[in-house]
Amino acid sequence: QVQLEESGGGTVQAGGSLRLSCKASKVTFSINTMGWYRQRPGMQRELVAKITSDGRATYADSVKGRFTISRDNAKNTVYLQMNSLKPDDTAVYYCNAEGWVSGILRTAWGRGTQVTVSS
């Protein structure tokens, strides 16, 4: 099973920036999509951004123009550059990786990293 380790979370003031990183290790399947999800207090986990192995990115409407996802396939690492952060971005951010193995979709999750944006 793929292991994902996130880093880069922390506390920042509104308007500030953070960069999250997620490195995959013990890769046992070909990873197609890597992405970031978040869970805000009292809410369900939601997609923030995801990117395919050929660089196609998808963003939640709430982060478009502020967040940028990128990926280094050689390093099995995905990044999330978060600018113009708002208090509403406060959440636990989870890294996700997906790939197909013998016709079955495999999914792996990181443990999450806390992002807190103060007003």
PDB file of N, CA and C in Angstrom:
ATOM      1  N   GLN A   1       0.843  -1.187   0.000  1.00  0.00           N
ATOM      2  CA  GLN A   1       0.000   0.000   0.000  1.00  0.00           C
ATOM      3  C   GLN A   1       0.887   1.249   0.000  1.00  0.00           C
ATOM      4  N   VAL A   2       0.491   2.221  -0.772  1.00  0.00           N
ATOM      5  CA  VAL A   2       1.240   3.472  -0.844  1.00  0.00           C
ATOM      6  C   VAL A   2       1.141   4.216   0.484  1.00  0.00           C
ATOM      7  N   GLN A   3       2.254   4.761   0.920  1.00  0.00           N
ATOM      8  CA  GLN A   3       2.248   5.606   2.120  1.00  0.00           C
ATOM      9  C   GLN A   3       2.464   7.046   1.706  1.00  0.00           C
ATOM     10  N   LEU A   4       1.679   7.935   2.307  1.00  0.00           N
ATOM     11  CA  LEU A   4       1.743   9.358   1.985  1.00  0.00           C
ATOM     12  C   LEU A   4       2.096  10.133   3.234  1.00  0.00           C
ATOM     13  N   GLU A   5       3.059  11.024   3.120  1.00  0.00           N
ATOM     14  CA  GLU A   5       3.462  11.833   4.261  1.00  0.00           C
ATOM     15  C   GLU A   5       3.374  13.301   3.898  1.00  0.00           C
ATOM     16  N   GLU A   6       2.498  14.021   4.611  1.00  0.00           N
ATOM     17  CA  GLU A   6       2.313  15.446   4.372  1.00  0.00           C
ATOM     18  C   GLU A   6       3.240  16.267   5.260  1.00  0.00           C
ATOM     19  N   SER A   7       3.551  17.464   4.796  1.00  0.00           N
ATOM     20  CA  SER A   7       4.308  18.423   5.596  1.00  0.00           C
ATOM     21  C   SER A   7       3.958  19.822   5.127  1.00  0.00           C
ATOM     22  N   GLY A   8       4.268  20.801   5.965  1.00  0.00           N
ATOM     23  CA  GLY A   8       4.101  22.192   5.571  1.00  0.00           C
ATOM     24  C   GLY A   8       2.925  22.909   6.201  1.00  0.00           C
ATOM     25  N   GLY A   9       2.130  22.211   6.990  1.00  0.00           N
ATOM     26  CA  GLY A   9       1.023  22.889   7.643  1.00  0.00           C
ATOM     27  C   GLY A   9       1.508  23.820   8.736  1.00  0.00           C
ATOM     28  N   GLY A  10       0.592  24.587   9.288  1.00  0.00           N
ATOM     29  CA  GLY A  10       0.945  25.502  10.360  1.00  0.00           C
ATOM     30  C   GLY A  10      -0.098  26.570  10.536  1.00  0.00           C
ATOM     31  N   THR A  11       0.293  27.619  11.238  1.00  0.00           N
ATOM     32  CA  THR A  11      -0.591  28.745  11.508  1.00  0.00           C
ATOM     33  C   THR A  11      -0.075  29.976  10.792  1.00  0.00           C
ATOM     34  N   VAL A  12      -0.980  30.674  10.134  1.00  0.00           N
ATOM     35  CA  VAL A  12      -0.610  31.871   9.389  1.00  0.00           C
ATOM     36  C   VAL A  12      -1.727  32.885   9.510  1.00  0.00           C
ATOM     37  N   GLN A  13      -1.394  34.148   9.375  1.00  0.00           N
ATOM     38  CA  GLN A  13      -2.412  35.189   9.401  1.00  0.00           C
ATOM     39  C   GLN A  13      -3.131  35.268   8.059  1.00  0.00           C
ATOM     40  N   ALA A  14      -4.329  35.767   8.093  1.00  0.00           N
ATOM     41  CA  ALA A  14      -5.106  35.950   6.868  1.00  0.00           C
ATOM     42  C   ALA A  14      -4.301  36.783   5.870  1.00  0.00           C
ATOM     43  N   GLY A  15      -4.350  36.348   4.610  1.00  0.00           N
ATOM     44  CA  GLY A  15      -3.560  37.000   3.578  1.00  0.00           C
ATOM     45  C   GLY A  15      -2.199  36.379   3.355  1.00  0.00           C
ATOM     46  N   GLY A  16      -1.799  35.517   4.252  1.00  0.00           N
ATOM     47  CA  GLY A  16      -0.489  34.886   4.158  1.00  0.00           C
ATOM     48  C   GLY A  16      -0.483  33.678   3.245  1.00  0.00           C
ATOM     49  N   SER A  17       0.656  33.002   3.222  1.00  0.00           N
ATOM     50  CA  SER A  17       0.848  31.855   2.325  1.00  0.00           C
ATOM     51  C   SER A  17       1.448  30.669   3.071  1.00  0.00           C
ATOM     52  N   LEU A  18       1.138  29.496   2.578  1.00  0.00           N
ATOM     53  CA  LEU A  18       1.743  28.258   3.039  1.00  0.00           C
ATOM     54  C   LEU A  18       1.930  27.339   1.845  1.00  0.00           C
ATOM     55  N   ARG A  19       2.913  26.452   1.948  1.00  0.00           N
ATOM     56  CA  ARG A  19       3.122  25.456   0.917  1.00  0.00           C
ATOM     57  C   ARG A  19       3.110  24.068   1.547  1.00  0.00           C
ATOM     58  N   LEU A  20       2.179  23.255   1.096  1.00  0.00           N
ATOM     59  CA  LEU A  20       2.092  21.881   1.571  1.00  0.00           C
ATOM     60  C   LEU A  20       2.825  20.958   0.605  1.00  0.00           C
ATOM     61  N   SER A  21       3.437  19.924   1.173  1.00  0.00           N
ATOM     62  CA  SER A  21       4.098  18.903   0.367  1.00  0.00           C
ATOM     63  C   SER A  21       3.598  17.532   0.794  1.00  0.00           C
ATOM     64  N   CYS A  22       3.590  16.620  -0.141  1.00  0.00           N
ATOM     65  CA  CYS A  22       3.183  15.252   0.156  1.00  0.00           C
ATOM     66  C   CYS A  22       4.028  14.304  -0.678  1.00  0.00           C
ATOM     67  N   LYS A  23       4.760  13.447   0.005  1.00  0.00           N
ATOM     68  CA  LYS A  23       5.617  12.494  -0.696  1.00  0.00           C
ATOM     69  C   LYS A  23       5.065  11.081  -0.532  1.00  0.00           C
ATOM     70  N   ALA A  24       4.983  10.387  -1.637  1.00  0.00           N
ATOM     71  CA  ALA A  24       4.536   8.993  -1.629  1.00  0.00           C
ATOM     72  C   ALA A  24       5.740   8.068  -1.530  1.00  0.00           C
ATOM     73  N   SER A  25       5.604   7.051  -0.711  1.00  0.00           N
ATOM     74  CA  SER A  25       6.647   6.041  -0.584  1.00  0.00           C
ATOM     75  C   SER A  25       6.005   4.656  -0.587  1.00  0.00           C
ATOM     76  N   LYS A  26       6.853   3.645  -0.688  1.00  0.00           N
ATOM     77  CA  LYS A  26       6.359   2.258  -0.767  1.00  0.00           C
ATOM     78  C   LYS A  26       5.277   2.167  -1.827  1.00  0.00           C
ATOM     79  N   VAL A  27       5.581   2.726  -2.994  1.00  0.00           N
ATOM     80  CA  VAL A  27       4.603   2.801  -4.075  1.00  0.00           C
ATOM     81  C   VAL A  27       4.426   1.422  -4.689  1.00  0.00           C
ATOM     82  N   THR A  28       3.243   0.869  -4.550  1.00  0.00           N
ATOM     83  CA  THR A  28       2.960  -0.479  -5.042  1.00  0.00           C
ATOM     84  C   THR A  28       2.035  -0.469  -6.241  1.00  0.00           C
ATOM     85  N   PHE A  29       1.564   0.711  -6.637  1.00  0.00           N
ATOM     86  CA  PHE A  29       0.780   0.808  -7.863  1.00  0.00           C
ATOM     87  C   PHE A  29       1.143   2.101  -8.569  1.00  0.00           C
ATOM     88  N   SER A  30       0.877   2.145  -9.859  1.00  0.00           N
ATOM     89  CA  SER A  30       1.182   3.328 -10.648  1.00  0.00           C
ATOM     90  C   SER A  30       0.193   4.424 -10.280  1.00  0.00           C
ATOM     91  N   ILE A  31       0.698   5.511  -9.722  1.00  0.00           N
ATOM     92  CA  ILE A  31      -0.177   6.594  -9.263  1.00  0.00           C
ATOM     93  C   ILE A  31      -0.599   7.444 -10.448  1.00  0.00           C
ATOM     94  N   ASN A  32      -1.893   7.574 -10.640  1.00  0.00           N
ATOM     95  CA  ASN A  32      -2.407   8.427 -11.707  1.00  0.00           C
ATOM     96  C   ASN A  32      -2.673   9.831 -11.173  1.00  0.00           C
ATOM     97  N   THR A  33      -3.554   9.912 -10.198  1.00  0.00           N
ATOM     98  CA  THR A  33      -3.961  11.218  -9.679  1.00  0.00           C
ATOM     99  C   THR A  33      -3.462  11.402  -8.248  1.00  0.00           C
ATOM    100  N   MET A  34      -2.933  12.582  -7.973  1.00  0.00           N
ATOM    101  CA  MET A  34      -2.605  12.974  -6.601  1.00  0.00           C
ATOM    102  C   MET A  34      -3.352  14.265  -6.303  1.00  0.00           C
ATOM    103  N   GLY A  35      -3.743  14.410  -5.062  1.00  0.00           N
ATOM    104  CA  GLY A  35      -4.520  15.594  -4.761  1.00  0.00           C
ATOM    105  C   GLY A  35      -4.546  15.929  -3.289  1.00  0.00           C
ATOM    106  N   TRP A  36      -5.241  17.013  -3.020  1.00  0.00           N
ATOM    107  CA  TRP A  36      -5.414  17.501  -1.658  1.00  0.00           C
ATOM    108  C   TRP A  36      -6.904  17.653  -1.373  1.00  0.00           C
ATOM    109  N   TYR A  37      -7.283  17.152  -0.220  1.00  0.00           N
ATOM    110  CA  TYR A  37      -8.632  17.327   0.294  1.00  0.00           C
ATOM    111  C   TYR A  37      -8.503  18.026   1.647  1.00  0.00           C
ATOM    112  N   ARG A  38      -9.590  18.584   2.110  1.00  0.00           N
ATOM    113  CA  ARG A  38      -9.566  19.202   3.440  1.00  0.00           C
ATOM    114  C   ARG A  38     -10.865  18.929   4.172  1.00  0.00           C
ATOM    115  N   GLN A  39     -10.755  18.946   5.475  1.00  0.00           N
ATOM    116  CA  GLN A  39     -11.937  18.795   6.313  1.00  0.00           C
ATOM    117  C   GLN A  39     -11.964  19.941   7.305  1.00  0.00           C
ATOM    118  N   ARG A  40     -12.915  20.826   7.111  1.00  0.00           N
ATOM    119  CA  ARG A  40     -13.095  21.945   8.009  1.00  0.00           C
ATOM    120  C   ARG A  40     -13.927  21.507   9.200  1.00  0.00           C
ATOM    121  N   PRO A  41     -13.801  22.206  10.322  1.00  0.00           N
ATOM    122  CA  PRO A  41     -14.528  21.799  11.538  1.00  0.00           C
ATOM    123  C   PRO A  41     -16.024  21.670  11.273  1.00  0.00           C
ATOM    124  N   GLY A  42     -16.575  20.525  11.615  1.00  0.00           N
ATOM    125  CA  GLY A  42     -18.008  20.299  11.478  1.00  0.00           C
ATOM    126  C   GLY A  42     -18.477  20.031  10.065  1.00  0.00           C
ATOM    127  N   MET A  43     -17.538  19.847   9.135  1.00  0.00           N
ATOM    128  CA  MET A  43     -17.932  19.654   7.751  1.00  0.00           C
ATOM    129  C   MET A  43     -17.313  18.369   7.194  1.00  0.00           C
ATOM    130  N   GLN A  44     -17.840  17.940   6.056  1.00  0.00           N
ATOM    131  CA  GLN A  44     -17.317  16.737   5.419  1.00  0.00           C
ATOM    132  C   GLN A  44     -16.020  17.053   4.676  1.00  0.00           C
ATOM    133  N   ARG A  45     -15.250  16.015   4.429  1.00  0.00           N
ATOM    134  CA  ARG A  45     -14.029  16.177   3.657  1.00  0.00           C
ATOM    135  C   ARG A  45     -14.396  16.590   2.234  1.00  0.00           C
ATOM    136  N   GLU A  46     -13.636  17.529   1.685  1.00  0.00           N
ATOM    137  CA  GLU A  46     -13.943  18.047   0.356  1.00  0.00           C
ATOM    138  C   GLU A  46     -12.664  18.159  -0.463  1.00  0.00           C
ATOM    139  N   LEU A  47     -12.838  18.079  -1.777  1.00  0.00           N
ATOM    140  CA  LEU A  47     -11.710  18.232  -2.678  1.00  0.00           C
ATOM    141  C   LEU A  47     -11.239  19.682  -2.680  1.00  0.00           C
ATOM    142  N   VAL A  48      -9.925  19.866  -2.608  1.00  0.00           N
ATOM    143  CA  VAL A  48      -9.321  21.186  -2.776  1.00  0.00           C
ATOM    144  C   VAL A  48      -8.748  21.302  -4.189  1.00  0.00           C
ATOM    145  N   ALA A  49      -7.898  20.346  -4.544  1.00  0.00           N
ATOM    146  CA  ALA A  49      -7.277  20.340  -5.868  1.00  0.00           C
ATOM    147  C   ALA A  49      -6.705  18.960  -6.121  1.00  0.00           C
ATOM    148  N   LYS A  50      -6.654  18.583  -7.390  1.00  0.00           N
ATOM    149  CA  LYS A  50      -6.026  17.328  -7.772  1.00  0.00           C
ATOM    150  C   LYS A  50      -5.330  17.499  -9.097  1.00  0.00           C
ATOM    151  N   ILE A  51      -4.366  16.615  -9.373  1.00  0.00           N
ATOM    152  CA  ILE A  51      -3.587  16.737 -10.596  1.00  0.00           C
ATOM    153  C   ILE A  51      -3.245  15.339 -11.099  1.00  0.00           C
ATOM    154  N   THR A  52      -3.388  15.147 -12.394  1.00  0.00           N
ATOM    155  CA  THR A  52      -3.077  13.852 -12.993  1.00  0.00           C
ATOM    156  C   THR A  52      -1.585  13.758 -13.308  1.00  0.00           C
ATOM    157  N   SER A  53      -1.162  12.571 -13.695  1.00  0.00           N
ATOM    158  CA  SER A  53       0.254  12.357 -13.982  1.00  0.00           C
ATOM    159  C   SER A  53       0.730  13.166 -15.191  1.00  0.00           C
ATOM    160  N   ASP A  54      -0.195  13.557 -16.062  1.00  0.00           N
ATOM    161  CA  ASP A  54       0.189  14.381 -17.213  1.00  0.00           C
ATOM    162  C   ASP A  54      -0.088  15.863 -16.979  1.00  0.00           C
ATOM    163  N   GLY A  55      -0.353  16.226 -15.729  1.00  0.00           N
ATOM    164  CA  GLY A  55      -0.397  17.638 -15.368  1.00  0.00           C
ATOM    165  C   GLY A  55      -1.742  18.340 -15.438  1.00  0.00           C
ATOM    166  N   ARG A  56      -2.813  17.597 -15.656  1.00  0.00           N
ATOM    167  CA  ARG A  56      -4.126  18.242 -15.684  1.00  0.00           C
ATOM    168  C   ARG A  56      -4.613  18.465 -14.260  1.00  0.00           C
ATOM    169  N   ALA A  57      -4.914  19.730 -13.959  1.00  0.00           N
ATOM    170  CA  ALA A  57      -5.302  20.105 -12.595  1.00  0.00           C
ATOM    171  C   ALA A  57      -6.775  20.477 -12.518  1.00  0.00           C
ATOM    172  N   THR A  58      -7.362  20.176 -11.390  1.00  0.00           N
ATOM    173  CA  THR A  58      -8.741  20.529 -11.086  1.00  0.00           C
ATOM    174  C   THR A  58      -8.763  21.204  -9.722  1.00  0.00           C
ATOM    175  N   TYR A  59      -9.538  22.286  -9.602  1.00  0.00           N
ATOM    176  CA  TYR A  59      -9.598  23.032  -8.354  1.00  0.00           C
ATOM    177  C   TYR A  59     -11.044  23.201  -7.894  1.00  0.00           C
ATOM    178  N   ALA A  60     -11.215  23.263  -6.591  1.00  0.00           N
ATOM    179  CA  ALA A  60     -12.499  23.676  -6.049  1.00  0.00           C
ATOM    180  C   ALA A  60     -12.686  25.164  -6.355  1.00  0.00           C
ATOM    181  N   ASP A  61     -13.925  25.563  -6.577  1.00  0.00           N
ATOM    182  CA  ASP A  61     -14.200  26.964  -6.907  1.00  0.00           C
ATOM    183  C   ASP A  61     -13.686  27.905  -5.816  1.00  0.00           C
ATOM    184  N   SER A  62     -13.741  27.462  -4.580  1.00  0.00           N
ATOM    185  CA  SER A  62     -13.385  28.326  -3.458  1.00  0.00           C
ATOM    186  C   SER A  62     -11.896  28.655  -3.403  1.00  0.00           C
ATOM    187  N   VAL A  63     -11.065  27.900  -4.125  1.00  0.00           N
ATOM    188  CA  VAL A  63      -9.622  28.145  -4.057  1.00  0.00           C
ATOM    189  C   VAL A  63      -9.028  28.581  -5.393  1.00  0.00           C
ATOM    190  N   LYS A  64      -9.830  28.597  -6.432  1.00  0.00           N
ATOM    191  CA  LYS A  64      -9.319  28.993  -7.749  1.00  0.00           C
ATOM    192  C   LYS A  64      -8.720  30.398  -7.691  1.00  0.00           C
ATOM    193  N   GLY A  65      -7.550  30.536  -8.291  1.00  0.00           N
ATOM    194  CA  GLY A  65      -6.873  31.827  -8.304  1.00  0.00           C
ATOM    195  C   GLY A  65      -6.026  32.083  -7.077  1.00  0.00           C
ATOM    196  N   ARG A  66      -6.174  31.266  -6.047  1.00  0.00           N
ATOM    197  CA  ARG A  66      -5.390  31.448  -4.817  1.00  0.00           C
ATOM    198  C   ARG A  66      -4.439  30.271  -4.573  1.00  0.00           C
ATOM    199  N   PHE A  67      -4.869  29.074  -4.912  1.00  0.00           N
ATOM    200  CA  PHE A  67      -4.069  27.869  -4.668  1.00  0.00           C
ATOM    201  C   PHE A  67      -3.551  27.332  -6.000  1.00  0.00           C
ATOM    202  N   THR A  68      -2.362  26.744  -5.960  1.00  0.00           N
ATOM    203  CA  THR A  68      -1.783  26.108  -7.133  1.00  0.00           C
ATOM    204  C   THR A  68      -1.237  24.735  -6.756  1.00  0.00           C
ATOM    205  N   ILE A  69      -1.678  23.724  -7.475  1.00  0.00           N
ATOM    206  CA  ILE A  69      -1.178  22.374  -7.247  1.00  0.00           C
ATOM    207  C   ILE A  69      -0.129  22.052  -8.301  1.00  0.00           C
ATOM    208  N   SER A  70       0.904  21.353  -7.885  1.00  0.00           N
ATOM    209  CA  SER A  70       1.942  20.926  -8.818  1.00  0.00           C
ATOM    210  C   SER A  70       2.458  19.567  -8.386  1.00  0.00           C
ATOM    211  N   ARG A  71       3.227  18.960  -9.275  1.00  0.00           N
ATOM    212  CA  ARG A  71       3.622  17.572  -9.011  1.00  0.00           C
ATOM    213  C   ARG A  71       4.977  17.295  -9.625  1.00  0.00           C
ATOM    214  N   ASP A  72       5.773  16.519  -8.916  1.00  0.00           N
ATOM    215  CA  ASP A  72       7.053  16.033  -9.421  1.00  0.00           C
ATOM    216  C   ASP A  72       6.935  14.517  -9.500  1.00  0.00           C
ATOM    217  N   ASN A  73       6.685  14.011 -10.681  1.00  0.00           N
ATOM    218  CA  ASN A  73       6.459  12.576 -10.838  1.00  0.00           C
ATOM    219  C   ASN A  73       7.697  11.752 -10.473  1.00  0.00           C
ATOM    220  N   ALA A  74       8.865  12.284 -10.770  1.00  0.00           N
ATOM    221  CA  ALA A  74      10.096  11.549 -10.473  1.00  0.00           C
ATOM    222  C   ALA A  74      10.272  11.349  -8.969  1.00  0.00           C
ATOM    223  N   LYS A  75       9.763  12.291  -8.195  1.00  0.00           N
ATOM    224  CA  LYS A  75       9.888  12.229  -6.735  1.00  0.00           C
ATOM    225  C   LYS A  75       8.612  11.730  -6.064  1.00  0.00           C
ATOM    226  N   ASN A  76       7.599  11.415  -6.869  1.00  0.00           N
ATOM    227  CA  ASN A  76       6.304  10.990  -6.307  1.00  0.00           C
ATOM    228  C   ASN A  76       5.820  11.976  -5.248  1.00  0.00           C
ATOM    229  N   THR A  77       5.930  13.239  -5.579  1.00  0.00           N
ATOM    230  CA  THR A  77       5.587  14.296  -4.627  1.00  0.00           C
ATOM    231  C   THR A  77       4.615  15.277  -5.262  1.00  0.00           C
ATOM    232  N   VAL A  78       3.649  15.689  -4.469  1.00  0.00           N
ATOM    233  CA  VAL A  78       2.691  16.703  -4.900  1.00  0.00           C
ATOM    234  C   VAL A  78       2.757  17.874  -3.931  1.00  0.00           C
ATOM    235  N   TYR A  79       2.564  19.061  -4.464  1.00  0.00           N
ATOM    236  CA  TYR A  79       2.651  20.292  -3.684  1.00  0.00           C
ATOM    237  C   TYR A  79       1.346  21.078  -3.803  1.00  0.00           C
ATOM    238  N   LEU A  80       1.083  21.875  -2.785  1.00  0.00           N
ATOM    239  CA  LEU A  80      -0.047  22.793  -2.835  1.00  0.00           C
ATOM    240  C   LEU A  80       0.430  24.139  -2.312  1.00  0.00           C
ATOM    241  N   GLN A  81       0.561  25.093  -3.231  1.00  0.00           N
ATOM    242  CA  GLN A  81       0.918  26.457  -2.851  1.00  0.00           C
ATOM    243  C   GLN A  81      -0.375  27.211  -2.558  1.00  0.00           C
ATOM    244  N   MET A  82      -0.488  27.703  -1.335  1.00  0.00           N
ATOM    245  CA  MET A  82      -1.706  28.375  -0.900  1.00  0.00           C
ATOM    246  C   MET A  82      -1.383  29.832  -0.609  1.00  0.00           C
ATOM    247  N   ASN A  83      -1.964  30.722  -1.394  1.00  0.00           N
ATOM    248  CA  ASN A  83      -1.769  32.158  -1.220  1.00  0.00           C
ATOM    249  C   ASN A  83      -3.087  32.825  -0.819  1.00  0.00           C
ATOM    250  N   SER A  84      -2.978  34.035  -0.343  1.00  0.00           N
ATOM    251  CA  SER A  84      -4.166  34.815   0.054  1.00  0.00           C
ATOM    252  C   SER A  84      -5.089  33.990   0.944  1.00  0.00           C
ATOM    253  N   LEU A  85      -4.501  33.369   1.934  1.00  0.00           N
ATOM    254  CA  LEU A  85      -5.275  32.479   2.799  1.00  0.00           C
ATOM    255  C   LEU A  85      -6.323  33.242   3.594  1.00  0.00           C
ATOM    256  N   LYS A  86      -7.452  32.582   3.819  1.00  0.00           N
ATOM    257  CA  LYS A  86      -8.571  33.148   4.550  1.00  0.00           C
ATOM    258  C   LYS A  86      -8.843  32.289   5.783  1.00  0.00           C
ATOM    259  N   PRO A  87      -9.457  32.863   6.795  1.00  0.00           N
ATOM    260  CA  PRO A  87      -9.830  32.041   7.967  1.00  0.00           C
ATOM    261  C   PRO A  87     -10.671  30.824   7.582  1.00  0.00           C
ATOM    262  N   ASP A  88     -11.468  30.954   6.526  1.00  0.00           N
ATOM    263  CA  ASP A  88     -12.317  29.848   6.080  1.00  0.00           C
ATOM    264  C   ASP A  88     -11.501  28.697   5.502  1.00  0.00           C
ATOM    265  N   ASP A  89     -10.217  28.913   5.247  1.00  0.00           N
ATOM    266  CA  ASP A  89      -9.352  27.833   4.757  1.00  0.00           C
ATOM    267  C   ASP A  89      -8.832  26.963   5.899  1.00  0.00           C
ATOM    268  N   THR A  90      -9.120  27.348   7.124  1.00  0.00           N
ATOM    269  CA  THR A  90      -8.688  26.557   8.277  1.00  0.00           C
ATOM    270  C   THR A  90      -9.293  25.167   8.209  1.00  0.00           C
ATOM    271  N   ALA A  91      -8.425  24.157   8.241  1.00  0.00           N
ATOM    272  CA  ALA A  91      -8.883  22.781   8.078  1.00  0.00           C
ATOM    273  C   ALA A  91      -7.698  21.840   8.267  1.00  0.00           C
ATOM    274  N   VAL A  92      -8.017  20.562   8.348  1.00  0.00           N
ATOM    275  CA  VAL A  92      -6.985  19.533   8.226  1.00  0.00           C
ATOM    276  C   VAL A  92      -6.902  19.174   6.740  1.00  0.00           C
ATOM    277  N   TYR A  93      -5.728  19.254   6.182  1.00  0.00           N
ATOM    278  CA  TYR A  93      -5.526  18.983   4.760  1.00  0.00           C
ATOM    279  C   TYR A  93      -4.928  17.577   4.603  1.00  0.00           C
ATOM    280  N   TYR A  94      -5.569  16.794   3.750  1.00  0.00           N
ATOM    281  CA  TYR A  94      -5.168  15.412   3.526  1.00  0.00           C
ATOM    282  C   TYR A  94      -4.665  15.225   2.098  1.00  0.00           C
ATOM    283  N   CYS A  95      -3.577  14.500   1.980  1.00  0.00           N
ATOM    284  CA  CYS A  95      -3.052  14.125   0.679  1.00  0.00           C
ATOM    285  C   CYS A  95      -3.725  12.832   0.229  1.00  0.00           C
ATOM    286  N   ASN A  96      -3.931  12.718  -1.066  1.00  0.00           N
ATOM    287  CA  ASN A  96      -4.603  11.545  -1.646  1.00  0.00           C
ATOM    288  C   ASN A  96      -3.869  11.103  -2.897  1.00  0.00           C
ATOM    289  N   ALA A  97      -3.806   9.794  -3.097  1.00  0.00           N
ATOM    290  CA  ALA A  97      -3.220   9.251  -4.324  1.00  0.00           C
ATOM    291  C   ALA A  97      -4.111   8.129  -4.835  1.00  0.00           C
ATOM    292  N   GLU A  98      -4.293   8.084  -6.150  1.00  0.00           N
ATOM    293  CA  GLU A  98      -5.145   7.062  -6.761  1.00  0.00           C
ATOM    294  C   GLU A  98      -4.424   6.447  -7.951  1.00  0.00           C
ATOM    295  N   GLY A  99      -4.698   5.161  -8.146  1.00  0.00           N
ATOM    296  CA  GLY A  99      -4.146   4.481  -9.307  1.00  0.00           C
ATOM    297  C   GLY A  99      -4.902   3.205  -9.564  1.00  0.00           C
ATOM    298  N   TRP A 100      -4.795   2.689 -10.771  1.00  0.00           N
ATOM    299  CA  TRP A 100      -5.509   1.479 -11.154  1.00  0.00           C
ATOM    300  C   TRP A 100      -4.576   0.276 -11.109  1.00  0.00           C
ATOM    301  N   VAL A 101      -5.039  -0.784 -10.498  1.00  0.00           N
ATOM    302  CA  VAL A 101      -4.293  -2.031 -10.435  1.00  0.00           C
ATOM    303  C   VAL A 101      -5.236  -3.151 -10.857  1.00  0.00           C
ATOM    304  N   SER A 102      -4.943  -3.764 -11.998  1.00  0.00           N
ATOM    305  CA  SER A 102      -5.769  -4.866 -12.506  1.00  0.00           C
ATOM    306  C   SER A 102      -7.238  -4.476 -12.532  1.00  0.00           C
ATOM    307  N   GLY A 103      -7.532  -3.271 -12.990  1.00  0.00           N
ATOM    308  CA  GLY A 103      -8.910  -2.841 -13.141  1.00  0.00           C
ATOM    309  C   GLY A 103      -9.571  -2.368 -11.861  1.00  0.00           C
ATOM    310  N   ILE A 104      -8.823  -2.351 -10.771  1.00  0.00           N
ATOM    311  CA  ILE A 104      -9.387  -1.915  -9.489  1.00  0.00           C
ATOM    312  C   ILE A 104      -8.732  -0.592  -9.093  1.00  0.00           C
ATOM    313  N   LEU A 105      -9.564   0.379  -8.710  1.00  0.00           N
ATOM    314  CA  LEU A 105      -9.041   1.674  -8.279  1.00  0.00           C
ATOM    315  C   LEU A 105      -8.520   1.566  -6.857  1.00  0.00           C
ATOM    316  N   ARG A 106      -7.250   1.877  -6.700  1.00  0.00           N
ATOM    317  CA  ARG A 106      -6.628   1.886  -5.378  1.00  0.00           C
ATOM    318  C   ARG A 106      -6.483   3.329  -4.910  1.00  0.00           C
ATOM    319  N   THR A 107      -6.739   3.544  -3.636  1.00  0.00           N
ATOM    320  CA  THR A 107      -6.665   4.890  -3.057  1.00  0.00           C
ATOM    321  C   THR A 107      -5.853   4.856  -1.775  1.00  0.00           C
ATOM    322  N   ALA A 108      -5.024   5.859  -1.600  1.00  0.00           N
ATOM    323  CA  ALA A 108      -4.253   5.997  -0.368  1.00  0.00           C
ATOM    324  C   ALA A 108      -4.446   7.403   0.183  1.00  0.00           C
ATOM    325  N   TRP A 109      -4.409   7.506   1.510  1.00  0.00           N
ATOM    326  CA  TRP A 109      -4.574   8.786   2.197  1.00  0.00           C
ATOM    327  C   TRP A 109      -3.431   9.021   3.159  1.00  0.00           C
ATOM    328  N   GLY A 110      -3.036  10.290   3.283  1.00  0.00           N
ATOM    329  CA  GLY A 110      -2.116  10.662   4.329  1.00  0.00           C
ATOM    330  C   GLY A 110      -2.867  10.876   5.637  1.00  0.00           C
ATOM    331  N   ARG A 111      -2.094  11.156   6.695  1.00  0.00           N
ATOM    332  CA  ARG A 111      -2.713  11.341   8.010  1.00  0.00           C
ATOM    333  C   ARG A 111      -3.268  12.741   8.197  1.00  0.00           C
ATOM    334  N   GLY A 112      -2.883  13.659   7.358  1.00  0.00           N
ATOM    335  CA  GLY A 112      -3.389  15.016   7.443  1.00  0.00           C
ATOM    336  C   GLY A 112      -2.428  15.973   8.116  1.00  0.00           C
ATOM    337  N   THR A 113      -2.521  17.235   7.727  1.00  0.00           N
ATOM    338  CA  THR A 113      -1.727  18.287   8.336  1.00  0.00           C
ATOM    339  C   THR A 113      -2.636  19.485   8.602  1.00  0.00           C
ATOM    340  N   GLN A 114      -2.507  20.054   9.769  1.00  0.00           N
ATOM    341  CA  GLN A 114      -3.403  21.145  10.180  1.00  0.00           C
ATOM    342  C   GLN A 114      -2.941  22.469   9.583  1.00  0.00           C
ATOM    343  N   VAL A 115      -3.889  23.178   9.004  1.00  0.00           N
ATOM    344  CA  VAL A 115      -3.668  24.551   8.531  1.00  0.00           C
ATOM    345  C   VAL A 115      -4.640  25.447   9.287  1.00  0.00           C
ATOM    346  N   THR A 116      -4.104  26.444   9.968  1.00  0.00           N
ATOM    347  CA  THR A 116      -4.922  27.381  10.721  1.00  0.00           C
ATOM    348  C   THR A 116      -4.631  28.789  10.234  1.00  0.00           C
ATOM    349  N   VAL A 117      -5.684  29.483   9.838  1.00  0.00           N
ATOM    350  CA  VAL A 117      -5.550  30.861   9.345  1.00  0.00           C
ATOM    351  C   VAL A 117      -6.259  31.769  10.333  1.00  0.00           C
ATOM    352  N   SER A 118      -5.512  32.657  10.943  1.00  0.00           N
ATOM    353  CA  SER A 118      -6.083  33.557  11.941  1.00  0.00           C
ATOM    354  C   SER A 118      -6.467  34.882  11.291  1.00  0.00           C
ATOM    355  N   SER A 119      -7.513  35.478  11.835  1.00  0.00           N
ATOM    356  CA  SER A 119      -7.993  36.752  11.264  1.00  0.00           C
ATOM    357  C   SER A 119      -7.314  37.939  11.907  1.00  0.00           C
TER     358      SER A 119
END
